[in-house]
Structures are given as C-alpha cells and as structure tokens.
C-alpha cells in the first residue's frame, strides 16, 4: 500500500512539474527570441488586461511597425477552450525579430504569457475578436505609440491576430498600412468552413468593410494553407466597396505555419513602410 501511494505521489509530482515546465518554456522561448532581435520586454497595462510586448524603438520619425500574435493555443479540442492560450509557436514574434525597421513592437494577445483573474476562456475562444479584446489592443497601441514617438502605425497581424488587426485598423486614424498573414478575415465563413460553432461574442471585419476600404492593406495567404484558405480572405476582399487600396498575395510553398519565417525578409522588401 505504501509503495502504491509513493508511486501515485511521484506520478502527480512529475505531472505538476512538467506542466509548470511547459508554461515556463513558452515564456522562456519568447524571451530568447526577443533577445535575438534586440527587443526589450514591456507590459502594457490596459483597462482590463496586462498585455505582454517586446519592443525596439530607435527613430521617432519612422512609423511604428506593430505585430499582433495569432490566437495561440485557443482550444483543447473543437468544443473546449484551452486553459492557457500562450502559443507554443509564436510565429508573429519569429517574424518581428527578422524585421529591421527602426521601430518595432510585438504584442501578444490578452492572457498570453500573463495570467490573471480577468483571464476567462471566452477571451481566447468565443470573444477573441470582441469589444473587450480590441479595446485592450487599442490601448496598448496608444501607449506604444507614445513611447516610440511615432505618429503612424503599420499594423501586421498573423492568423487571428490579422483579423484583430483589421478590426482595430477600422477604429483608428493613425494606421497607414494594414498587413495580414493567413488571417481568417471572414470569421463566420471560416467557422462554417471548419464546421465549428460560431464565435458568437466576436466581431468580424466583414461588418466594417465600408470603413476598412479606406485603409491601405495587403493580405498574404499561403498557397498550401488549409486552415485559412485563400477563399476566406477573398470573401472579405469581395465585401470591400472599393478594392483599389487592397492587394491579395498568395505566397508559394507556404501553409498556415511553415514557410513564413524563412520568406519574411524577402516579403518585407515589397511591403516596407507606409504607402
């Protein structure tokens, strides 16, 4: 009996320790990546959330280039949200460290890397593109712009971060260019495509096409992406009354995750700065 009890205690201790290690490794990975790009950590205190960021500001006269992280580990399965949305593969952070722009800022999504009593699962599941989340990102952007001294923002978002970037762009006057990467811009079309429940607490850029048509924008899609196929982004573009300021670029040999980091420096040559 004592032997069995000891075995269960040992197993429980291993599970608890490994869970802690997994969380720490995500945080440590982010810190290590940021160091590679000479980015320093920052936390933006917003009305509801503390937002983790990494920044490198060197020239107040240059635009502020902001990268928004994707949805991260949003779901445990198709029905149940994850306990912690921190991404295992922070692709937006891997992109920002390859960007040589004078002023760059990486923003994680609410409750990624930082937990708190306000971090309820709906904020990375059904409400991930809702009012509370977009307000927090707007407040973090305001603070980042003040610190950098920049007057214009180039807003870049990966996956769900691109959808949030589009929503935020329609609410601001200082975004000179919107760039999305593999973004599910037609949110209802995307959930229908995957046959999952609608994100009932979220907004969608489709509802704001009239405003967003005035924002210069480029949307990148991987040719092999089965998570956000080209048709989802094209559906959003078709909703814009005026598409003259919008472009869709399909990047060869790239899916939702693979290929972007390696190709990013070359892609940036075409997208750099404000139009």
C-alpha atoms as a PDB file:
ATOM      1  CA  UNK A   1       0.000   0.000   0.000  1.00  0.00           C
ATOM      2  CA  UNK A   2       2.794   2.407   0.948  1.00  0.00           C
ATOM      3  CA  UNK A   3       4.564   1.556  -2.304  1.00  0.00           C
ATOM      4  CA  UNK A   4       1.445   2.337  -4.366  1.00  0.00           C
ATOM      5  CA  UNK A   5       0.907   5.616  -2.510  1.00  0.00           C
ATOM      6  CA  UNK A   6       4.518   6.613  -3.142  1.00  0.00           C
ATOM      7  CA  UNK A   7       4.107   5.782  -6.840  1.00  0.00           C
ATOM      8  CA  UNK A   8       0.994   7.955  -7.168  1.00  0.00           C
ATOM      9  CA  UNK A   9       2.692  10.844  -5.368  1.00  0.00           C
ATOM     10  CA  UNK A  10       5.679  10.514  -7.692  1.00  0.00           C
ATOM     11  CA  UNK A  11       3.464  10.483 -10.802  1.00  0.00           C
ATOM     12  CA  UNK A  12       1.482  13.505  -9.579  1.00  0.00           C
ATOM     13  CA  UNK A  13       4.685  15.393  -8.851  1.00  0.00           C
ATOM     14  CA  UNK A  14       6.018  14.647 -12.354  1.00  0.00           C
ATOM     15  CA  UNK A  15       2.774  15.832 -13.965  1.00  0.00           C
ATOM     16  CA  UNK A  16       2.690  19.042 -11.959  1.00  0.00           C
ATOM     17  CA  UNK A  17       6.344  19.732 -12.611  1.00  0.00           C
ATOM     18  CA  UNK A  18       6.083  19.055 -16.342  1.00  0.00           C
ATOM     19  CA  UNK A  19       3.037  21.338 -16.632  1.00  0.00           C
ATOM     20  CA  UNK A  20       4.966  24.138 -14.984  1.00  0.00           C
ATOM     21  CA  UNK A  21       7.950  23.460 -17.225  1.00  0.00           C
ATOM     22  CA  UNK A  22       5.782  23.646 -20.352  1.00  0.00           C
ATOM     23  CA  UNK A  23       4.457  27.063 -19.335  1.00  0.00           C
ATOM     24  CA  UNK A  24       7.910  28.312 -18.394  1.00  0.00           C
ATOM     25  CA  UNK A  25       9.389  27.055 -21.646  1.00  0.00           C
ATOM     26  CA  UNK A  26       6.867  29.089 -23.651  1.00  0.00           C
ATOM     27  CA  UNK A  27       7.788  32.217 -21.722  1.00  0.00           C
ATOM     28  CA  UNK A  28      11.495  31.480 -21.922  1.00  0.00           C
ATOM     29  CA  UNK A  29      11.232  30.824 -25.660  1.00  0.00           C
ATOM     30  CA  UNK A  30       9.595  34.218 -26.184  1.00  0.00           C
ATOM     31  CA  UNK A  31      12.291  35.942 -24.153  1.00  0.00           C
ATOM     32  CA  UNK A  32      15.047  34.162 -26.045  1.00  0.00           C
ATOM     33  CA  UNK A  33      13.549  35.074 -29.418  1.00  0.00           C
ATOM     34  CA  UNK A  34      13.159  38.700 -28.371  1.00  0.00           C
ATOM     35  CA  UNK A  35      16.817  38.859 -27.356  1.00  0.00           C
ATOM     36  CA  UNK A  36      17.809  37.649 -30.813  1.00  0.00           C
ATOM     37  CA  UNK A  37      16.049  40.680 -32.302  1.00  0.00           C
ATOM     38  CA  UNK A  38      17.389  43.108 -29.674  1.00  0.00           C
ATOM     39  CA  UNK A  39      13.870  43.628 -28.372  1.00  0.00           C
ATOM     40  CA  UNK A  40      13.250  44.512 -24.744  1.00  0.00           C
ATOM     41  CA  UNK A  41      10.246  43.252 -22.757  1.00  0.00           C
ATOM     42  CA  UNK A  42       7.393  45.548 -21.827  1.00  0.00           C
ATOM     43  CA  UNK A  43       3.971  45.109 -20.225  1.00  0.00           C
ATOM     44  CA  UNK A  44       1.116  47.392 -21.230  1.00  0.00           C
ATOM     45  CA  UNK A  45      -1.486  47.869 -18.518  1.00  0.00           C
ATOM     46  CA  UNK A  46      -4.865  48.314 -20.177  1.00  0.00           C
ATOM     47  CA  UNK A  47      -8.303  48.752 -18.687  1.00  0.00           C
ATOM     48  CA  UNK A  48      -8.937  45.015 -18.443  1.00  0.00           C
ATOM     49  CA  UNK A  49      -5.746  43.127 -19.317  1.00  0.00           C
ATOM     50  CA  UNK A  50      -1.998  43.302 -18.939  1.00  0.00           C
ATOM     51  CA  UNK A  51      -0.564  42.827 -22.440  1.00  0.00           C
ATOM     52  CA  UNK A  52       2.875  41.292 -22.926  1.00  0.00           C
ATOM     53  CA  UNK A  53       5.020  43.042 -25.510  1.00  0.00           C
ATOM     54  CA  UNK A  54       8.562  43.284 -26.834  1.00  0.00           C
ATOM     55  CA  UNK A  55       9.867  46.486 -28.398  1.00  0.00           C
ATOM     56  CA  UNK A  56      12.786  48.111 -30.182  1.00  0.00           C
ATOM     57  CA  UNK A  57      12.457  51.869 -30.774  1.00  0.00           C
ATOM     58  CA  UNK A  58      15.284  53.870 -32.388  1.00  0.00           C
ATOM     59  CA  UNK A  59      13.758  56.621 -34.569  1.00  0.00           C
ATOM     60  CA  UNK A  60      10.672  58.668 -33.590  1.00  0.00           C
ATOM     61  CA  UNK A  61      10.355  59.989 -37.154  1.00  0.00           C
ATOM     62  CA  UNK A  62       9.779  56.484 -38.556  1.00  0.00           C
ATOM     63  CA  UNK A  63       6.483  54.575 -38.475  1.00  0.00           C
ATOM     64  CA  UNK A  64       5.785  52.187 -35.615  1.00  0.00           C
ATOM     65  CA  UNK A  65       5.576  48.648 -37.016  1.00  0.00           C
ATOM     66  CA  UNK A  66       3.365  46.515 -34.776  1.00  0.00           C
ATOM     67  CA  UNK A  67       2.984  42.736 -34.966  1.00  0.00           C
ATOM     68  CA  UNK A  68      -0.071  41.086 -33.386  1.00  0.00           C
ATOM     69  CA  UNK A  69       0.272  37.435 -32.379  1.00  0.00           C
ATOM     70  CA  UNK A  70      -2.131  34.753 -33.556  1.00  0.00           C
ATOM     71  CA  UNK A  71      -4.802  33.021 -31.483  1.00  0.00           C
ATOM     72  CA  UNK A  72      -2.215  30.731 -29.902  1.00  0.00           C
ATOM     73  CA  UNK A  73      -3.393  27.615 -28.081  1.00  0.00           C
ATOM     74  CA  UNK A  74      -7.022  28.729 -28.075  1.00  0.00           C
ATOM     75  CA  UNK A  75      -8.723  25.324 -27.972  1.00  0.00           C
ATOM     76  CA  UNK A  76      -8.077  21.994 -26.301  1.00  0.00           C
ATOM     77  CA  UNK A  77     -10.448  20.442 -28.848  1.00  0.00           C
ATOM     78  CA  UNK A  78     -13.299  21.631 -31.096  1.00  0.00           C
ATOM     79  CA  UNK A  79     -15.613  22.142 -28.108  1.00  0.00           C
ATOM     80  CA  UNK A  80     -13.385  23.049 -25.152  1.00  0.00           C
ATOM     81  CA  UNK A  81     -11.130  26.113 -24.769  1.00  0.00           C
ATOM     82  CA  UNK A  82      -7.560  25.599 -23.620  1.00  0.00           C
ATOM     83  CA  UNK A  83      -6.565  26.505 -20.069  1.00  0.00           C
ATOM     84  CA  UNK A  84      -3.712  28.711 -21.311  1.00  0.00           C
ATOM     85  CA  UNK A  85      -3.726  30.453 -24.740  1.00  0.00           C
ATOM     86  CA  UNK A  86       0.033  31.126 -24.799  1.00  0.00           C
ATOM     87  CA  UNK A  87       1.300  29.995 -28.232  1.00  0.00           C
ATOM     88  CA  UNK A  88       3.661  27.058 -28.492  1.00  0.00           C
ATOM     89  CA  UNK A  89       4.957  28.525 -31.754  1.00  0.00           C
ATOM     90  CA  UNK A  90       4.869  32.362 -31.504  1.00  0.00           C
ATOM     91  CA  UNK A  91       5.094  32.929 -35.234  1.00  0.00           C
ATOM     92  CA  UNK A  92       4.477  36.684 -35.127  1.00  0.00           C
ATOM     93  CA  UNK A  93       7.388  37.038 -32.706  1.00  0.00           C
ATOM     94  CA  UNK A  94       9.594  34.999 -35.029  1.00  0.00           C
ATOM     95  CA  UNK A  95       8.667  37.417 -37.823  1.00  0.00           C
ATOM     96  CA  UNK A  96       9.259  40.623 -35.876  1.00  0.00           C
ATOM     97  CA  UNK A  97      12.830  39.677 -34.992  1.00  0.00           C
ATOM     98  CA  UNK A  98      13.547  39.454 -38.732  1.00  0.00           C
ATOM     99  CA  UNK A  99      12.188  42.949 -39.358  1.00  0.00           C
ATOM    100  CA  UNK A 100      14.954  45.614 -39.450  1.00  0.00           C
ATOM    101  CA  UNK A 101      12.513  48.545 -39.143  1.00  0.00           C
ATOM    102  CA  UNK A 102      13.573  51.360 -36.802  1.00  0.00           C
ATOM    103  CA  UNK A 103      10.550  50.985 -34.522  1.00  0.00           C
ATOM    104  CA  UNK A 104       9.034  47.544 -33.992  1.00  0.00           C
ATOM    105  CA  UNK A 105       6.601  46.348 -31.358  1.00  0.00           C
ATOM    106  CA  UNK A 106       5.321  42.835 -30.740  1.00  0.00           C
ATOM    107  CA  UNK A 107       2.016  42.448 -28.921  1.00  0.00           C
ATOM    108  CA  UNK A 108       0.819  39.146 -27.542  1.00  0.00           C
ATOM    109  CA  UNK A 109      -2.909  38.625 -27.217  1.00  0.00           C
ATOM    110  CA  UNK A 110      -4.687  39.093 -23.894  1.00  0.00           C
ATOM    111  CA  UNK A 111      -3.802  36.324 -21.410  1.00  0.00           C
ATOM    112  CA  UNK A 112      -0.896  35.005 -23.479  1.00  0.00           C
ATOM    113  CA  UNK A 113       2.195  34.849 -21.247  1.00  0.00           C
ATOM    114  CA  UNK A 114       0.344  36.742 -18.485  1.00  0.00           C
ATOM    115  CA  UNK A 115      -2.488  35.215 -16.452  1.00  0.00           C
ATOM    116  CA  UNK A 116      -4.891  36.978 -14.129  1.00  0.00           C
ATOM    117  CA  UNK A 117      -8.361  36.839 -12.616  1.00  0.00           C
ATOM    118  CA  UNK A 118      -9.763  38.601 -15.682  1.00  0.00           C
ATOM    119  CA  UNK A 119      -8.408  35.858 -17.988  1.00  0.00           C
ATOM    120  CA  UNK A 120     -11.558  33.900 -18.668  1.00  0.00           C
ATOM    121  CA  UNK A 121     -11.603  31.344 -21.518  1.00  0.00           C
ATOM    122  CA  UNK A 122     -14.096  33.307 -23.611  1.00  0.00           C
ATOM    123  CA  UNK A 123     -11.417  35.923 -24.282  1.00  0.00           C
ATOM    124  CA  UNK A 124      -9.428  33.419 -26.346  1.00  0.00           C
ATOM    125  CA  UNK A 125     -12.402  31.461 -27.696  1.00  0.00           C
ATOM    126  CA  UNK A 126     -15.871  32.887 -28.422  1.00  0.00           C
ATOM    127  CA  UNK A 127     -14.935  36.516 -27.621  1.00  0.00           C
ATOM    128  CA  UNK A 128     -11.403  36.519 -29.054  1.00  0.00           C
ATOM    129  CA  UNK A 129     -12.304  39.288 -31.543  1.00  0.00           C
ATOM    130  CA  UNK A 130     -14.799  41.002 -29.273  1.00  0.00           C
ATOM    131  CA  UNK A 131     -15.041  44.562 -27.992  1.00  0.00           C
ATOM    132  CA  UNK A 132     -13.062  43.999 -24.786  1.00  0.00           C
ATOM    133  CA  UNK A 133     -10.124  42.479 -26.662  1.00  0.00           C
ATOM    134  CA  UNK A 134      -9.994  45.104 -29.417  1.00  0.00           C
ATOM    135  CA  UNK A 135     -10.233  47.863 -26.794  1.00  0.00           C
ATOM    136  CA  UNK A 136      -7.250  46.404 -24.933  1.00  0.00           C
ATOM    137  CA  UNK A 137      -5.185  46.210 -28.126  1.00  0.00           C
ATOM    138  CA  UNK A 138      -6.107  49.802 -28.965  1.00  0.00           C
ATOM    139  CA  UNK A 139      -4.979  50.939 -25.526  1.00  0.00           C
ATOM    140  CA  UNK A 140      -1.683  49.059 -25.873  1.00  0.00           C
ATOM    141  CA  UNK A 141      -1.158  50.653 -29.294  1.00  0.00           C
ATOM    142  CA  UNK A 142      -1.780  54.105 -27.841  1.00  0.00           C
ATOM    143  CA  UNK A 143       0.852  53.502 -25.171  1.00  0.00           C
ATOM    144  CA  UNK A 144       3.331  52.050 -27.638  1.00  0.00           C
ATOM    145  CA  UNK A 145       2.958  54.989 -29.982  1.00  0.00           C
ATOM    146  CA  UNK A 146       3.614  57.460 -27.170  1.00  0.00           C
ATOM    147  CA  UNK A 147       6.749  55.599 -26.048  1.00  0.00           C
ATOM    148  CA  UNK A 148       8.097  55.281 -29.599  1.00  0.00           C
ATOM    149  CA  UNK A 149       7.291  58.868 -30.544  1.00  0.00           C
ATOM    150  CA  UNK A 150       5.884  57.679 -33.885  1.00  0.00           C
ATOM    151  CA  UNK A 151       2.833  59.284 -35.431  1.00  0.00           C
ATOM    152  CA  UNK A 152       1.970  56.484 -37.890  1.00  0.00           C
ATOM    153  CA  UNK A 153       1.431  52.751 -37.440  1.00  0.00           C
ATOM    154  CA  UNK A 154       1.977  49.836 -39.794  1.00  0.00           C
ATOM    155  CA  UNK A 155      -0.187  47.095 -38.298  1.00  0.00           C
ATOM    156  CA  UNK A 156       0.750  43.487 -39.075  1.00  0.00           C
ATOM    157  CA  UNK A 157      -1.238  40.546 -37.771  1.00  0.00           C
ATOM    158  CA  UNK A 158      -0.742  36.813 -38.071  1.00  0.00           C
ATOM    159  CA  UNK A 159      -3.722  34.443 -38.298  1.00  0.00           C
ATOM    160  CA  UNK A 160      -6.361  35.610 -35.787  1.00  0.00           C
ATOM    161  CA  UNK A 161      -4.047  38.496 -34.969  1.00  0.00           C
ATOM    162  CA  UNK A 162      -4.609  39.665 -38.540  1.00  0.00           C
ATOM    163  CA  UNK A 163      -8.364  39.622 -38.029  1.00  0.00           C
ATOM    164  CA  UNK A 164      -7.950  41.652 -34.856  1.00  0.00           C
ATOM    165  CA  UNK A 165      -5.548  43.996 -36.677  1.00  0.00           C
ATOM    166  CA  UNK A 166      -8.206  44.633 -39.320  1.00  0.00           C
ATOM    167  CA  UNK A 167     -10.843  45.390 -36.690  1.00  0.00           C
ATOM    168  CA  UNK A 168      -8.507  47.778 -34.878  1.00  0.00           C
ATOM    169  CA  UNK A 169      -7.446  49.470 -38.128  1.00  0.00           C
ATOM    170  CA  UNK A 170     -11.037  50.419 -38.789  1.00  0.00           C
ATOM    171  CA  UNK A 171     -11.212  52.147 -35.395  1.00  0.00           C
ATOM    172  CA  UNK A 172      -8.068  54.284 -35.709  1.00  0.00           C
ATOM    173  CA  UNK A 173      -6.847  57.238 -37.764  1.00  0.00           C
ATOM    174  CA  UNK A 174      -3.108  56.532 -37.434  1.00  0.00           C
ATOM    175  CA  UNK A 175      -2.832  53.191 -39.269  1.00  0.00           C
ATOM    176  CA  UNK A 176      -1.083  53.928 -42.560  1.00  0.00           C
ATOM    177  CA  UNK A 177      -0.988  50.290 -43.680  1.00  0.00           C
ATOM    178  CA  UNK A 178      -2.623  47.011 -42.654  1.00  0.00           C
ATOM    179  CA  UNK A 179      -0.873  43.732 -43.421  1.00  0.00           C
ATOM    180  CA  UNK A 180      -2.412  40.375 -42.566  1.00  0.00           C
ATOM    181  CA  UNK A 181      -0.816  36.946 -42.758  1.00  0.00           C
ATOM    182  CA  UNK A 182      -3.058  33.882 -43.063  1.00  0.00           C
ATOM    183  CA  UNK A 183      -5.909  35.793 -41.393  1.00  0.00           C
ATOM    184  CA  UNK A 184      -9.467  34.486 -41.049  1.00  0.00           C
ATOM    185  CA  UNK A 185     -10.970  37.827 -42.099  1.00  0.00           C
ATOM    186  CA  UNK A 186     -14.382  36.339 -42.887  1.00  0.00           C
ATOM    187  CA  UNK A 187     -14.934  34.965 -39.389  1.00  0.00           C
ATOM    188  CA  UNK A 188     -18.342  33.379 -39.967  1.00  0.00           C
ATOM    189  CA  UNK A 189     -17.202  31.916 -43.288  1.00  0.00           C
ATOM    190  CA  UNK A 190     -14.159  30.479 -41.546  1.00  0.00           C
ATOM    191  CA  UNK A 191     -16.122  28.795 -38.739  1.00  0.00           C
ATOM    192  CA  UNK A 192     -18.585  27.414 -41.287  1.00  0.00           C
ATOM    193  CA  UNK A 193     -15.693  26.077 -43.375  1.00  0.00           C
ATOM    194  CA  UNK A 194     -14.336  24.179 -40.369  1.00  0.00           C
ATOM    195  CA  UNK A 195     -17.822  23.180 -39.143  1.00  0.00           C
ATOM    196  CA  UNK A 196     -17.272  24.590 -35.669  1.00  0.00           C
ATOM    197  CA  UNK A 197     -19.519  26.749 -33.505  1.00  0.00           C
ATOM    198  CA  UNK A 198     -19.778  30.432 -34.482  1.00  0.00           C
ATOM    199  CA  UNK A 199     -17.705  32.846 -32.391  1.00  0.00           C
ATOM    200  CA  UNK A 200     -20.850  34.468 -31.053  1.00  0.00           C
ATOM    201  CA  UNK A 201     -19.043  37.021 -28.872  1.00  0.00           C
ATOM    202  CA  UNK A 202     -16.712  38.217 -31.634  1.00  0.00           C
ATOM    203  CA  UNK A 203     -16.831  40.907 -34.283  1.00  0.00           C
ATOM    204  CA  UNK A 204     -15.768  40.374 -37.899  1.00  0.00           C
ATOM    205  CA  UNK A 205     -14.038  42.693 -40.401  1.00  0.00           C
ATOM    206  CA  UNK A 206     -16.835  41.864 -42.853  1.00  0.00           C
ATOM    207  CA  UNK A 207     -19.143  44.145 -40.854  1.00  0.00           C
ATOM    208  CA  UNK A 208     -16.769  47.084 -41.261  1.00  0.00           C
ATOM    209  CA  UNK A 209     -15.914  46.806 -44.939  1.00  0.00           C
ATOM    210  CA  UNK A 210     -17.207  50.313 -45.626  1.00  0.00           C
ATOM    211  CA  UNK A 211     -14.698  51.807 -43.194  1.00  0.00           C
ATOM    212  CA  UNK A 212     -11.838  49.431 -43.928  1.00  0.00           C
ATOM    213  CA  UNK A 213     -11.906  50.144 -47.661  1.00  0.00           C
ATOM    214  CA  UNK A 214     -10.085  53.405 -46.895  1.00  0.00           C
ATOM    215  CA  UNK A 215      -7.153  51.667 -45.159  1.00  0.00           C
ATOM    216  CA  UNK A 216      -4.256  50.675 -47.467  1.00  0.00           C
ATOM    217  CA  UNK A 217      -3.972  46.922 -46.973  1.00  0.00           C
ATOM    218  CA  UNK A 218      -2.138  43.833 -48.144  1.00  0.00           C
ATOM    219  CA  UNK A 219      -3.273  40.316 -47.308  1.00  0.00           C
ATOM    220  CA  UNK A 220      -0.884  37.362 -47.519  1.00  0.00           C
ATOM    221  CA  UNK A 221      -2.097  33.786 -47.890  1.00  0.00           C
ATOM    222  CA  UNK A 222      -0.092  30.572 -48.032  1.00  0.00           C
ATOM    223  CA  UNK A 223      -0.656  28.559 -51.193  1.00  0.00           C
ATOM    224  CA  UNK A 224      -0.858  25.370 -49.107  1.00  0.00           C
ATOM    225  CA  UNK A 225      -2.880  26.775 -46.196  1.00  0.00           C
ATOM    226  CA  UNK A 226      -5.796  24.504 -45.295  1.00  0.00           C
ATOM    227  CA  UNK A 227      -6.613  26.338 -42.053  1.00  0.00           C
ATOM    228  CA  UNK A 228      -7.279  29.718 -43.681  1.00  0.00           C
ATOM    229  CA  UNK A 229      -7.571  29.042 -47.419  1.00  0.00           C
ATOM    230  CA  UNK A 230      -7.445  31.829 -49.988  1.00  0.00           C
ATOM    231  CA  UNK A 231     -11.244  31.808 -50.389  1.00  0.00           C
ATOM    232  CA  UNK A 232     -11.735  33.070 -46.812  1.00  0.00           C
ATOM    233  CA  UNK A 233      -9.589  36.146 -47.445  1.00  0.00           C
ATOM    234  CA  UNK A 234     -11.079  36.675 -50.901  1.00  0.00           C
ATOM    235  CA  UNK A 235     -14.556  36.691 -49.347  1.00  0.00           C
ATOM    236  CA  UNK A 236     -13.514  39.647 -47.195  1.00  0.00           C
ATOM    237  CA  UNK A 237     -11.978  41.483 -50.152  1.00  0.00           C
ATOM    238  CA  UNK A 238     -15.159  40.964 -52.155  1.00  0.00           C
ATOM    239  CA  UNK A 239     -17.060  42.747 -49.368  1.00  0.00           C
ATOM    240  CA  UNK A 240     -14.977  45.928 -49.743  1.00  0.00           C
ATOM    241  CA  UNK A 241     -16.923  48.511 -51.792  1.00  0.00           C
ATOM    242  CA  UNK A 242     -13.624  49.825 -53.169  1.00  0.00           C
ATOM    243  CA  UNK A 243     -10.734  47.367 -53.540  1.00  0.00           C
ATOM    244  CA  UNK A 244      -8.293  49.780 -55.187  1.00  0.00           C
ATOM    245  CA  UNK A 245      -6.253  50.112 -51.981  1.00  0.00           C
ATOM    246  CA  UNK A 246      -6.174  46.378 -51.296  1.00  0.00           C
ATOM    247  CA  UNK A 247      -3.968  43.547 -52.514  1.00  0.00           C
ATOM    248  CA  UNK A 248      -4.015  39.787 -52.071  1.00  0.00           C
ATOM    249  CA  UNK A 249      -0.696  37.966 -52.386  1.00  0.00           C
ATOM    250  CA  UNK A 250      -0.532  34.171 -52.443  1.00  0.00           C
ATOM    251  CA  UNK A 251       2.861  33.005 -51.186  1.00  0.00           C
ATOM    252  CA  UNK A 252       4.072  29.796 -52.816  1.00  0.00           C
ATOM    253  CA  UNK A 253       5.176  26.766 -50.792  1.00  0.00           C
ATOM    254  CA  UNK A 254       3.737  28.172 -47.579  1.00  0.00           C
ATOM    255  CA  UNK A 255       0.969  26.862 -45.333  1.00  0.00           C
ATOM    256  CA  UNK A 256      -0.559  28.270 -42.148  1.00  0.00           C
ATOM    257  CA  UNK A 257       2.624  27.772 -40.132  1.00  0.00           C
ATOM    258  CA  UNK A 258       5.529  26.710 -42.320  1.00  0.00           C
ATOM    259  CA  UNK A 259       7.489  28.886 -44.714  1.00  0.00           C
ATOM    260  CA  UNK A 260       6.691  32.352 -43.376  1.00  0.00           C
ATOM    261  CA  UNK A 261       9.753  32.873 -41.198  1.00  0.00           C
ATOM    262  CA  UNK A 262      12.174  31.889 -43.948  1.00  0.00           C
ATOM    263  CA  UNK A 263      10.448  34.018 -46.597  1.00  0.00           C
ATOM    264  CA  UNK A 264       9.719  37.032 -44.396  1.00  0.00           C
ATOM    265  CA  UNK A 265      12.808  39.191 -45.127  1.00  0.00           C
ATOM    266  CA  UNK A 266      12.143  38.939 -48.873  1.00  0.00           C
ATOM    267  CA  UNK A 267       8.412  39.600 -48.440  1.00  0.00           C
ATOM    268  CA  UNK A 268       9.205  42.683 -46.359  1.00  0.00           C
ATOM    269  CA  UNK A 269      11.159  44.212 -49.233  1.00  0.00           C
ATOM    270  CA  UNK A 270       7.853  44.702 -51.040  1.00  0.00           C
ATOM    271  CA  UNK A 271       5.807  45.774 -48.023  1.00  0.00           C
ATOM    272  CA  UNK A 272       8.090  48.081 -46.092  1.00  0.00           C
ATOM    273  CA  UNK A 273       6.837  51.337 -44.568  1.00  0.00           C
ATOM    274  CA  UNK A 274       3.763  53.424 -45.257  1.00  0.00           C
ATOM    275  CA  UNK A 275       2.497  53.745 -48.849  1.00  0.00           C
END
